[in-house]
Amino acid sequence: MDNYFESESYVKLDFTKTKINKGEYDNCTFTNCNFEAIHASNIQFIECEFIDCNFSNTIVKNTAFRDTNFINCKMIGVKFNEVDTFLLQFRFKDCQLSFSSFYQLKIPSTHFINCNLQEVDFTETNVSNSVFNNSDFKNAIFENTNLEKVDFRTSFNFNINPSENKLKGAKFSRNTIDGLLLDYKISIE
């Protein structure tokens, strides 16, 4: 039988030295914890909050993130495309997500606020109705991505080909519109 943890607070735990217990974490808070490169597979995080945590290269195969918040977390190289997709819902604020993958996920209405999304793979991802505020998309991959009604107005460094992605109703600012035209090799002055 899996372990069940409710309304627990975990502070400054290093899960590279102390193994994380498998099970369901409901309404728990993790602050300044290190999950770097561990196997966090088959764990359920429900209504949890991660603050100042390191998730870089963490293996999250079949891990559930249901209504989960990540705040100021380092999450480089995380393969979110391997998570449990049932009721998947998360939000990111002030997070470093470079080199992570959301390949083929359905994560509409997701909020990415002040995030570094450099070289993140959004291929065939549905992020419709999402908000990307003040986020850096340098070398991020958008191919056959559903970006309908997405708010990119304050984001930058993106290269999105309108002929290869769904963009109906997406919002962009005049200052960053060149990110939609880079593939056409048009000179904008």
N, C-alpha and C. Protein backbone atom coordinates (compact mmCIF):
# COMPACT_ATOMS: atom_id res chain seq x y z
N MET A 1 0.84 -1.18 0.00
CA MET A 1 0.00 0.00 0.00
C MET A 1 0.89 1.25 0.00
N ASP A 2 0.52 2.22 -0.81
CA ASP A 2 1.29 3.45 -0.90
C ASP A 2 1.11 4.30 0.34
N ASN A 3 2.12 5.11 0.62
CA ASN A 3 2.06 6.05 1.74
C ASN A 3 1.18 7.23 1.38
N TYR A 4 0.58 7.85 2.39
CA TYR A 4 -0.26 9.03 2.19
C TYR A 4 0.21 10.12 3.14
N PHE A 5 0.52 11.29 2.56
CA PHE A 5 1.00 12.42 3.35
C PHE A 5 0.09 13.60 3.08
N GLU A 6 -0.47 14.19 4.13
CA GLU A 6 -1.40 15.30 3.95
C GLU A 6 -0.96 16.51 4.76
N SER A 7 -0.97 17.68 4.09
CA SER A 7 -0.67 18.97 4.72
C SER A 7 0.65 18.98 5.47
N GLU A 8 1.63 18.27 4.93
CA GLU A 8 2.96 18.23 5.52
C GLU A 8 3.82 19.34 4.93
N SER A 9 4.82 19.77 5.69
CA SER A 9 5.76 20.77 5.21
C SER A 9 7.16 20.18 5.25
N TYR A 10 7.85 20.23 4.10
CA TYR A 10 9.19 19.67 4.00
C TYR A 10 10.15 20.81 3.70
N VAL A 11 11.16 21.01 4.54
CA VAL A 11 12.06 22.14 4.39
C VAL A 11 13.52 21.64 4.36
N LYS A 12 14.26 22.11 3.36
CA LYS A 12 15.70 21.84 3.22
C LYS A 12 16.04 20.35 3.24
N LEU A 13 15.21 19.54 2.60
CA LEU A 13 15.52 18.12 2.51
C LEU A 13 16.29 17.88 1.22
N ASP A 14 17.30 17.03 1.31
CA ASP A 14 18.09 16.67 0.15
C ASP A 14 17.75 15.22 -0.22
N PHE A 15 16.88 15.09 -1.21
CA PHE A 15 16.41 13.75 -1.60
C PHE A 15 17.45 12.97 -2.39
N THR A 16 18.61 13.60 -2.66
CA THR A 16 19.71 12.84 -3.26
C THR A 16 20.42 12.03 -2.18
N LYS A 17 20.20 12.40 -0.91
CA LYS A 17 20.82 11.68 0.22
C LYS A 17 19.79 10.90 1.03
N THR A 18 18.57 11.44 1.11
CA THR A 18 17.48 10.77 1.81
C THR A 18 16.41 10.44 0.78
N LYS A 19 16.12 9.18 0.60
CA LYS A 19 15.18 8.76 -0.44
C LYS A 19 13.78 9.29 -0.16
N ILE A 20 13.14 9.83 -1.21
CA ILE A 20 11.77 10.31 -1.06
C ILE A 20 10.83 9.11 -0.98
N ASN A 21 9.88 9.17 -0.10
CA ASN A 21 8.90 8.09 0.04
C ASN A 21 7.92 8.11 -1.12
N LYS A 22 7.69 6.96 -1.71
CA LYS A 22 6.68 6.85 -2.76
C LYS A 22 5.31 6.97 -2.11
N GLY A 23 4.37 7.52 -2.86
CA GLY A 23 3.02 7.63 -2.33
C GLY A 23 2.32 8.87 -2.83
N GLU A 24 1.33 9.30 -2.09
CA GLU A 24 0.53 10.46 -2.46
C GLU A 24 0.77 11.58 -1.46
N TYR A 25 1.16 12.74 -2.01
CA TYR A 25 1.37 13.94 -1.20
C TYR A 25 0.23 14.89 -1.51
N ASP A 26 -0.62 15.15 -0.54
CA ASP A 26 -1.81 15.98 -0.74
C ASP A 26 -1.67 17.27 0.08
N ASN A 27 -1.71 18.41 -0.62
CA ASN A 27 -1.64 19.73 0.02
C ASN A 27 -0.36 19.89 0.85
N CYS A 28 0.76 19.41 0.30
CA CYS A 28 2.04 19.51 0.99
C CYS A 28 2.88 20.64 0.39
N THR A 29 3.80 21.16 1.19
CA THR A 29 4.69 22.22 0.74
C THR A 29 6.13 21.75 0.87
N PHE A 30 6.90 21.95 -0.21
CA PHE A 30 8.31 21.61 -0.23
C PHE A 30 9.08 22.91 -0.41
N THR A 31 9.94 23.25 0.54
CA THR A 31 10.68 24.51 0.47
C THR A 31 12.18 24.22 0.53
N ASN A 32 12.89 24.72 -0.47
CA ASN A 32 14.35 24.59 -0.54
C ASN A 32 14.79 23.12 -0.47
N CYS A 33 14.10 22.27 -1.21
CA CYS A 33 14.43 20.84 -1.24
C CYS A 33 15.17 20.51 -2.53
N ASN A 34 16.02 19.50 -2.46
CA ASN A 34 16.80 19.09 -3.62
C ASN A 34 16.31 17.74 -4.14
N PHE A 35 15.77 17.77 -5.38
CA PHE A 35 15.30 16.56 -6.06
C PHE A 35 16.21 16.22 -7.24
N GLU A 36 17.35 16.89 -7.35
CA GLU A 36 18.17 16.82 -8.56
C GLU A 36 18.53 15.39 -8.93
N ALA A 37 18.16 15.05 -10.19
CA ALA A 37 18.51 13.78 -10.83
C ALA A 37 18.03 12.53 -10.08
N ILE A 38 17.05 12.66 -9.19
CA ILE A 38 16.55 11.47 -8.49
C ILE A 38 15.42 10.84 -9.32
N HIS A 39 15.05 9.63 -8.96
CA HIS A 39 13.90 8.97 -9.54
C HIS A 39 12.69 9.32 -8.68
N ALA A 40 11.88 10.26 -9.17
CA ALA A 40 10.65 10.65 -8.47
C ALA A 40 9.45 10.07 -9.21
N SER A 41 9.64 8.90 -9.77
CA SER A 41 8.60 8.26 -10.57
C SER A 41 7.49 7.70 -9.69
N ASN A 42 6.30 7.65 -10.28
CA ASN A 42 5.13 7.03 -9.65
C ASN A 42 4.76 7.64 -8.30
N ILE A 43 4.94 8.95 -8.19
CA ILE A 43 4.54 9.67 -6.98
C ILE A 43 3.40 10.60 -7.38
N GLN A 44 2.46 10.84 -6.48
CA GLN A 44 1.36 11.76 -6.76
C GLN A 44 1.51 13.01 -5.90
N PHE A 45 1.55 14.16 -6.58
CA PHE A 45 1.57 15.45 -5.89
C PHE A 45 0.26 16.15 -6.21
N ILE A 46 -0.59 16.30 -5.22
CA ILE A 46 -1.91 16.88 -5.41
C ILE A 46 -2.01 18.16 -4.57
N GLU A 47 -2.30 19.27 -5.25
CA GLU A 47 -2.40 20.58 -4.60
C GLU A 47 -1.16 20.87 -3.76
N CYS A 48 0.01 20.55 -4.30
CA CYS A 48 1.27 20.78 -3.61
C CYS A 48 1.93 22.05 -4.13
N GLU A 49 2.87 22.56 -3.34
CA GLU A 49 3.62 23.74 -3.72
C GLU A 49 5.10 23.47 -3.49
N PHE A 50 5.90 23.80 -4.52
CA PHE A 50 7.34 23.64 -4.46
C PHE A 50 7.96 25.04 -4.54
N ILE A 51 8.72 25.43 -3.53
CA ILE A 51 9.31 26.76 -3.46
C ILE A 51 10.82 26.62 -3.33
N ASP A 52 11.56 27.28 -4.22
CA ASP A 52 13.04 27.27 -4.18
C ASP A 52 13.62 25.86 -4.20
N CYS A 53 13.01 24.97 -4.99
CA CYS A 53 13.49 23.59 -5.07
C CYS A 53 14.31 23.37 -6.34
N ASN A 54 15.17 22.35 -6.31
CA ASN A 54 15.96 21.97 -7.47
C ASN A 54 15.44 20.64 -8.00
N PHE A 55 14.86 20.69 -9.21
CA PHE A 55 14.33 19.50 -9.88
C PHE A 55 15.15 19.14 -11.11
N SER A 56 16.30 19.74 -11.30
CA SER A 56 17.06 19.54 -12.53
C SER A 56 17.34 18.06 -12.78
N ASN A 57 17.02 17.65 -14.01
CA ASN A 57 17.22 16.27 -14.48
C ASN A 57 16.52 15.20 -13.64
N THR A 58 15.50 15.60 -12.91
CA THR A 58 14.73 14.64 -12.12
C THR A 58 13.88 13.77 -13.03
N ILE A 59 13.82 12.50 -12.75
CA ILE A 59 13.01 11.57 -13.54
C ILE A 59 11.60 11.55 -12.94
N VAL A 60 10.63 11.95 -13.76
CA VAL A 60 9.25 12.09 -13.29
C VAL A 60 8.29 11.19 -14.08
N LYS A 61 8.77 10.03 -14.46
CA LYS A 61 7.95 9.10 -15.23
C LYS A 61 6.76 8.64 -14.40
N ASN A 62 5.57 8.83 -14.95
CA ASN A 62 4.29 8.47 -14.31
C ASN A 62 4.04 9.20 -12.99
N THR A 63 4.72 10.33 -12.80
CA THR A 63 4.48 11.15 -11.62
C THR A 63 3.29 12.05 -11.89
N ALA A 64 2.41 12.19 -10.91
CA ALA A 64 1.21 13.02 -11.08
C ALA A 64 1.45 14.39 -10.46
N PHE A 65 1.15 15.42 -11.24
CA PHE A 65 1.17 16.80 -10.75
C PHE A 65 -0.23 17.36 -10.96
N ARG A 66 -1.03 17.35 -9.92
CA ARG A 66 -2.41 17.81 -10.02
C ARG A 66 -2.56 19.08 -9.21
N ASP A 67 -2.83 20.19 -9.91
CA ASP A 67 -2.99 21.49 -9.27
C ASP A 67 -1.77 21.82 -8.40
N THR A 68 -0.60 21.78 -9.05
CA THR A 68 0.68 21.95 -8.37
C THR A 68 1.35 23.24 -8.80
N ASN A 69 1.95 23.96 -7.85
CA ASN A 69 2.65 25.22 -8.11
C ASN A 69 4.14 25.05 -7.92
N PHE A 70 4.91 25.61 -8.85
CA PHE A 70 6.36 25.65 -8.75
C PHE A 70 6.76 27.12 -8.71
N ILE A 71 7.45 27.53 -7.65
CA ILE A 71 7.85 28.93 -7.49
C ILE A 71 9.36 28.99 -7.27
N ASN A 72 10.02 29.72 -8.15
CA ASN A 72 11.47 29.91 -8.08
C ASN A 72 12.23 28.58 -8.02
N CYS A 73 11.82 27.64 -8.87
CA CYS A 73 12.45 26.33 -8.90
C CYS A 73 13.39 26.20 -10.10
N LYS A 74 14.44 25.44 -9.90
CA LYS A 74 15.38 25.10 -10.97
C LYS A 74 14.96 23.74 -11.51
N MET A 75 14.55 23.72 -12.79
CA MET A 75 13.97 22.50 -13.36
C MET A 75 14.57 22.22 -14.74
N ILE A 76 15.87 22.28 -14.83
CA ILE A 76 16.56 22.11 -16.11
C ILE A 76 16.50 20.64 -16.55
N GLY A 77 16.10 20.42 -17.81
CA GLY A 77 16.13 19.09 -18.39
C GLY A 77 15.09 18.11 -17.89
N VAL A 78 13.97 18.60 -17.39
CA VAL A 78 12.92 17.71 -16.89
C VAL A 78 12.03 17.25 -18.05
N LYS A 79 11.80 15.96 -18.16
CA LYS A 79 10.96 15.41 -19.22
C LYS A 79 9.51 15.31 -18.73
N PHE A 80 8.84 16.47 -18.73
CA PHE A 80 7.44 16.51 -18.29
C PHE A 80 6.56 15.65 -19.19
N ASN A 81 7.01 15.36 -20.40
CA ASN A 81 6.23 14.54 -21.32
C ASN A 81 6.06 13.11 -20.82
N GLU A 82 6.76 12.73 -19.77
CA GLU A 82 6.65 11.38 -19.23
C GLU A 82 5.75 11.28 -17.99
N VAL A 83 5.19 12.42 -17.56
CA VAL A 83 4.36 12.42 -16.34
C VAL A 83 3.01 11.74 -16.56
N ASP A 84 2.33 11.45 -15.48
CA ASP A 84 0.96 10.95 -15.52
C ASP A 84 0.08 12.12 -15.99
N THR A 85 -0.62 11.96 -17.08
CA THR A 85 -1.39 13.07 -17.66
C THR A 85 -2.80 13.19 -17.09
N PHE A 86 -3.22 12.25 -16.27
CA PHE A 86 -4.57 12.32 -15.71
C PHE A 86 -4.69 13.51 -14.77
N LEU A 87 -5.59 14.43 -15.07
CA LEU A 87 -5.83 15.65 -14.29
C LEU A 87 -4.57 16.50 -14.10
N LEU A 88 -3.65 16.43 -15.08
CA LEU A 88 -2.40 17.18 -15.03
C LEU A 88 -2.68 18.68 -15.03
N GLN A 89 -2.16 19.37 -14.04
CA GLN A 89 -2.30 20.83 -13.97
C GLN A 89 -1.20 21.38 -13.08
N PHE A 90 -0.40 22.28 -13.67
CA PHE A 90 0.61 22.93 -12.86
C PHE A 90 0.82 24.36 -13.32
N ARG A 91 1.48 25.17 -12.46
CA ARG A 91 1.79 26.57 -12.73
C ARG A 91 3.25 26.80 -12.36
N PHE A 92 3.90 27.67 -13.14
CA PHE A 92 5.31 27.96 -12.92
C PHE A 92 5.51 29.46 -12.76
N LYS A 93 6.22 29.86 -11.72
CA LYS A 93 6.52 31.27 -11.51
C LYS A 93 8.00 31.40 -11.14
N ASP A 94 8.72 32.25 -11.88
CA ASP A 94 10.15 32.49 -11.61
C ASP A 94 10.96 31.20 -11.68
N CYS A 95 10.64 30.34 -12.62
CA CYS A 95 11.33 29.04 -12.73
C CYS A 95 12.30 29.00 -13.90
N GLN A 96 13.35 28.21 -13.72
CA GLN A 96 14.36 27.94 -14.73
C GLN A 96 14.01 26.57 -15.32
N LEU A 97 13.44 26.58 -16.55
CA LEU A 97 12.95 25.34 -17.17
C LEU A 97 13.74 24.96 -18.43
N SER A 98 14.87 25.57 -18.66
CA SER A 98 15.64 25.32 -19.88
C SER A 98 15.87 23.83 -20.11
N PHE A 99 15.84 23.46 -21.39
CA PHE A 99 16.11 22.10 -21.87
C PHE A 99 15.08 21.07 -21.40
N SER A 100 13.94 21.52 -20.89
CA SER A 100 12.88 20.60 -20.48
C SER A 100 12.00 20.26 -21.67
N SER A 101 11.14 19.27 -21.52
CA SER A 101 10.26 18.85 -22.62
C SER A 101 8.82 18.71 -22.15
N PHE A 102 7.93 19.33 -22.95
CA PHE A 102 6.49 19.20 -22.75
C PHE A 102 5.89 18.49 -23.97
N TYR A 103 6.70 17.74 -24.69
CA TYR A 103 6.33 17.09 -25.95
C TYR A 103 4.98 16.36 -25.84
N GLN A 104 4.06 16.74 -26.72
CA GLN A 104 2.74 16.11 -26.89
C GLN A 104 1.82 16.19 -25.67
N LEU A 105 2.14 17.03 -24.69
CA LEU A 105 1.26 17.15 -23.53
C LEU A 105 0.06 18.03 -23.84
N LYS A 106 -1.01 17.77 -23.15
CA LYS A 106 -2.20 18.63 -23.20
C LYS A 106 -2.22 19.40 -21.88
N ILE A 107 -1.73 20.65 -21.93
CA ILE A 107 -1.65 21.48 -20.72
C ILE A 107 -2.24 22.87 -20.98
N PRO A 108 -3.50 22.91 -21.44
CA PRO A 108 -4.11 24.22 -21.68
C PRO A 108 -4.25 25.01 -20.38
N SER A 109 -4.29 26.33 -20.54
CA SER A 109 -4.49 27.25 -19.41
C SER A 109 -3.39 27.17 -18.35
N THR A 110 -2.19 26.83 -18.78
CA THR A 110 -1.04 26.79 -17.86
C THR A 110 -0.40 28.17 -17.79
N HIS A 111 0.03 28.57 -16.61
CA HIS A 111 0.69 29.86 -16.43
C HIS A 111 2.19 29.67 -16.26
N PHE A 112 2.95 30.38 -17.08
CA PHE A 112 4.40 30.44 -16.98
C PHE A 112 4.72 31.92 -16.76
N ILE A 113 5.08 32.31 -15.56
CA ILE A 113 5.32 33.71 -15.22
C ILE A 113 6.81 33.90 -14.90
N ASN A 114 7.45 34.81 -15.63
CA ASN A 114 8.88 35.10 -15.42
C ASN A 114 9.75 33.85 -15.48
N CYS A 115 9.54 33.04 -16.50
CA CYS A 115 10.28 31.77 -16.59
C CYS A 115 11.32 31.80 -17.71
N ASN A 116 12.38 31.04 -17.50
CA ASN A 116 13.38 30.83 -18.53
C ASN A 116 13.01 29.53 -19.23
N LEU A 117 12.58 29.65 -20.49
CA LEU A 117 12.13 28.50 -21.27
C LEU A 117 13.04 28.27 -22.47
N GLN A 118 14.32 28.56 -22.30
CA GLN A 118 15.27 28.40 -23.39
C GLN A 118 15.43 26.93 -23.76
N GLU A 119 15.32 26.67 -25.06
CA GLU A 119 15.48 25.34 -25.65
C GLU A 119 14.49 24.31 -25.10
N VAL A 120 13.32 24.78 -24.66
CA VAL A 120 12.26 23.87 -24.20
C VAL A 120 11.51 23.33 -25.42
N ASP A 121 11.14 22.06 -25.38
CA ASP A 121 10.43 21.42 -26.49
C ASP A 121 8.92 21.45 -26.23
N PHE A 122 8.23 22.23 -27.09
CA PHE A 122 6.77 22.30 -27.05
C PHE A 122 6.16 21.62 -28.29
N THR A 123 6.89 20.73 -28.93
CA THR A 123 6.41 20.06 -30.13
C THR A 123 5.12 19.31 -29.85
N GLU A 124 4.10 19.57 -30.68
CA GLU A 124 2.79 18.91 -30.62
C GLU A 124 2.11 19.05 -29.26
N THR A 125 2.45 20.10 -28.53
CA THR A 125 1.86 20.35 -27.22
C THR A 125 0.62 21.24 -27.36
N ASN A 126 -0.38 21.00 -26.56
CA ASN A 126 -1.54 21.88 -26.51
C ASN A 126 -1.39 22.78 -25.29
N VAL A 127 -1.03 24.04 -25.54
CA VAL A 127 -0.92 25.03 -24.46
C VAL A 127 -1.93 26.16 -24.70
N SER A 128 -3.02 25.84 -25.37
CA SER A 128 -4.03 26.85 -25.67
C SER A 128 -4.50 27.54 -24.39
N ASN A 129 -4.85 28.80 -24.51
CA ASN A 129 -5.33 29.62 -23.38
C ASN A 129 -4.30 29.80 -22.27
N SER A 130 -3.05 29.50 -22.53
CA SER A 130 -2.01 29.65 -21.51
C SER A 130 -1.49 31.08 -21.48
N VAL A 131 -0.78 31.40 -20.41
CA VAL A 131 -0.18 32.72 -20.25
C VAL A 131 1.32 32.55 -20.08
N PHE A 132 2.08 33.24 -20.91
CA PHE A 132 3.53 33.26 -20.82
C PHE A 132 3.94 34.71 -20.56
N ASN A 133 3.99 35.11 -19.31
CA ASN A 133 4.36 36.49 -18.97
C ASN A 133 5.86 36.59 -18.75
N ASN A 134 6.48 37.54 -19.45
CA ASN A 134 7.89 37.85 -19.26
C ASN A 134 8.77 36.60 -19.27
N SER A 135 8.56 35.74 -20.26
CA SER A 135 9.31 34.49 -20.34
C SER A 135 10.22 34.49 -21.56
N ASP A 136 11.40 33.89 -21.40
CA ASP A 136 12.42 33.84 -22.44
C ASP A 136 12.34 32.50 -23.18
N PHE A 137 12.09 32.57 -24.50
CA PHE A 137 11.93 31.37 -25.33
C PHE A 137 13.09 31.14 -26.29
N LYS A 138 14.27 31.63 -25.97
CA LYS A 138 15.39 31.49 -26.89
C LYS A 138 15.59 30.02 -27.27
N ASN A 139 15.54 29.75 -28.57
CA ASN A 139 15.72 28.41 -29.14
C ASN A 139 14.69 27.37 -28.68
N ALA A 140 13.55 27.82 -28.15
CA ALA A 140 12.46 26.89 -27.81
C ALA A 140 11.87 26.33 -29.10
N ILE A 141 11.36 25.12 -29.05
CA ILE A 141 10.84 24.44 -30.24
C ILE A 141 9.32 24.45 -30.23
N PHE A 142 8.75 25.03 -31.29
CA PHE A 142 7.30 25.03 -31.50
C PHE A 142 7.04 24.40 -32.87
N GLU A 143 6.55 23.17 -32.89
CA GLU A 143 6.19 22.49 -34.13
C GLU A 143 4.86 21.79 -33.92
N ASN A 144 3.88 22.12 -34.76
CA ASN A 144 2.53 21.56 -34.63
C ASN A 144 1.99 21.76 -33.22
N THR A 145 2.26 22.93 -32.66
CA THR A 145 1.86 23.27 -31.30
C THR A 145 0.56 24.06 -31.33
N ASN A 146 -0.36 23.75 -30.43
CA ASN A 146 -1.60 24.50 -30.33
C ASN A 146 -1.36 25.68 -29.38
N LEU A 147 -1.26 26.88 -29.98
CA LEU A 147 -1.00 28.11 -29.24
C LEU A 147 -2.20 29.05 -29.32
N GLU A 148 -3.37 28.50 -29.58
CA GLU A 148 -4.56 29.33 -29.71
C GLU A 148 -4.87 30.04 -28.40
N LYS A 149 -5.14 31.33 -28.51
CA LYS A 149 -5.49 32.20 -27.38
C LYS A 149 -4.40 32.29 -26.31
N VAL A 150 -3.15 32.00 -26.68
CA VAL A 150 -2.04 32.12 -25.75
C VAL A 150 -1.60 33.58 -25.68
N ASP A 151 -1.22 34.04 -24.50
CA ASP A 151 -0.75 35.41 -24.30
C ASP A 151 0.78 35.44 -24.27
N PHE A 152 1.36 35.96 -25.36
CA PHE A 152 2.81 36.11 -25.48
C PHE A 152 3.23 37.58 -25.39
N ARG A 153 2.34 38.48 -25.02
CA ARG A 153 2.60 39.91 -25.14
C ARG A 153 3.86 40.39 -24.42
N THR A 154 4.24 39.77 -23.33
CA THR A 154 5.44 40.23 -22.62
C THR A 154 6.59 39.24 -22.71
N SER A 155 6.44 38.21 -23.54
CA SER A 155 7.51 37.22 -23.71
C SER A 155 8.44 37.64 -24.83
N PHE A 156 9.59 36.99 -24.91
CA PHE A 156 10.61 37.41 -25.88
C PHE A 156 11.47 36.24 -26.33
N ASN A 157 12.23 36.48 -27.41
CA ASN A 157 13.16 35.53 -28.02
C ASN A 157 12.49 34.29 -28.59
N PHE A 158 11.21 34.36 -28.92
CA PHE A 158 10.56 33.19 -29.49
C PHE A 158 10.69 33.21 -31.01
N ASN A 159 10.65 32.03 -31.60
CA ASN A 159 10.61 31.85 -33.05
C ASN A 159 9.49 30.86 -33.32
N ILE A 160 8.34 31.40 -33.74
CA ILE A 160 7.16 30.59 -33.97
C ILE A 160 6.72 30.75 -35.42
N ASN A 161 6.73 29.68 -36.16
CA ASN A 161 6.31 29.72 -37.55
C ASN A 161 4.78 29.59 -37.60
N PRO A 162 4.09 30.65 -38.06
CA PRO A 162 2.62 30.61 -38.11
C PRO A 162 2.06 29.51 -39.01
N SER A 163 2.82 29.07 -40.01
CA SER A 163 2.30 28.04 -40.90
C SER A 163 2.44 26.64 -40.31
N GLU A 164 3.18 26.49 -39.21
CA GLU A 164 3.38 25.18 -38.60
C GLU A 164 2.73 25.03 -37.23
N ASN A 165 2.04 26.08 -36.77
CA ASN A 165 1.44 26.06 -35.44
C ASN A 165 0.06 26.70 -35.48
N LYS A 166 -0.79 26.34 -34.54
CA LYS A 166 -2.12 26.94 -34.44
C LYS A 166 -2.01 28.19 -33.57
N LEU A 167 -2.35 29.35 -34.15
CA LEU A 167 -2.17 30.62 -33.45
C LEU A 167 -3.44 31.45 -33.34
N LYS A 168 -4.58 30.92 -33.73
CA LYS A 168 -5.81 31.70 -33.73
C LYS A 168 -6.08 32.29 -32.34
N GLY A 169 -6.22 33.61 -32.31
CA GLY A 169 -6.54 34.31 -31.07
C GLY A 169 -5.36 34.55 -30.14
N ALA A 170 -4.15 34.13 -30.54
CA ALA A 170 -2.97 34.36 -29.70
C ALA A 170 -2.65 35.85 -29.66
N LYS A 171 -2.07 36.30 -28.56
CA LYS A 171 -1.77 37.72 -28.37
C LYS A 171 -0.25 37.94 -28.36
N PHE A 172 0.18 38.92 -29.17
CA PHE A 172 1.59 39.29 -29.26
C PHE A 172 1.71 40.80 -29.15
N SER A 173 2.86 41.29 -28.75
CA SER A 173 3.08 42.74 -28.74
C SER A 173 3.77 43.14 -30.05
N ARG A 174 3.62 44.39 -30.44
CA ARG A 174 4.29 44.89 -31.64
C ARG A 174 5.80 44.78 -31.52
N ASN A 175 6.33 44.88 -30.33
CA ASN A 175 7.78 44.84 -30.12
C ASN A 175 8.38 43.47 -30.39
N THR A 176 7.60 42.42 -30.32
CA THR A 176 8.14 41.07 -30.48
C THR A 176 7.57 40.33 -31.69
N ILE A 177 6.85 41.04 -32.53
CA ILE A 177 6.20 40.40 -33.68
C ILE A 177 7.21 39.75 -34.63
N ASP A 178 8.46 40.21 -34.61
CA ASP A 178 9.48 39.62 -35.47
C ASP A 178 9.68 38.14 -35.19
N GLY A 179 9.35 37.67 -33.97
CA GLY A 179 9.47 36.26 -33.63
C GLY A 179 8.54 35.37 -34.42
N LEU A 180 7.54 35.97 -35.08
CA LEU A 180 6.63 35.20 -35.94
C LEU A 180 7.12 35.17 -37.39
N LEU A 181 8.10 35.98 -37.71
CA LEU A 181 8.53 36.12 -39.09
C LEU A 181 9.96 35.64 -39.36
N LEU A 182 10.67 35.20 -38.36
CA LEU A 182 12.08 34.80 -38.52
C LEU A 182 12.27 33.73 -39.58
N ASP A 183 11.37 32.75 -39.64
CA ASP A 183 11.51 31.67 -40.62
C ASP A 183 11.33 32.15 -42.05
N TYR A 184 10.74 33.31 -42.23
CA TYR A 184 10.53 33.85 -43.57
C TYR A 184 11.70 34.69 -44.05
N LYS A 185 12.70 34.87 -43.20
CA LYS A 185 13.91 35.62 -43.52
C LYS A 185 13.59 37.02 -44.05
N ILE A 186 12.64 37.66 -43.38
CA ILE A 186 12.21 39.02 -43.73
C ILE A 186 13.02 40.00 -42.88
N SER A 187 13.44 41.08 -43.49
CA SER A 187 14.16 42.13 -42.75
C SER A 187 13.16 43.12 -42.17
N ILE A 188 13.16 43.25 -40.86
CA ILE A 188 12.25 44.17 -40.18
C ILE A 188 13.08 45.27 -39.53
N GLU A 189 12.77 46.54 -39.88
CA GLU A 189 13.55 47.66 -39.34
C GLU A 189 12.64 48.64 -38.66
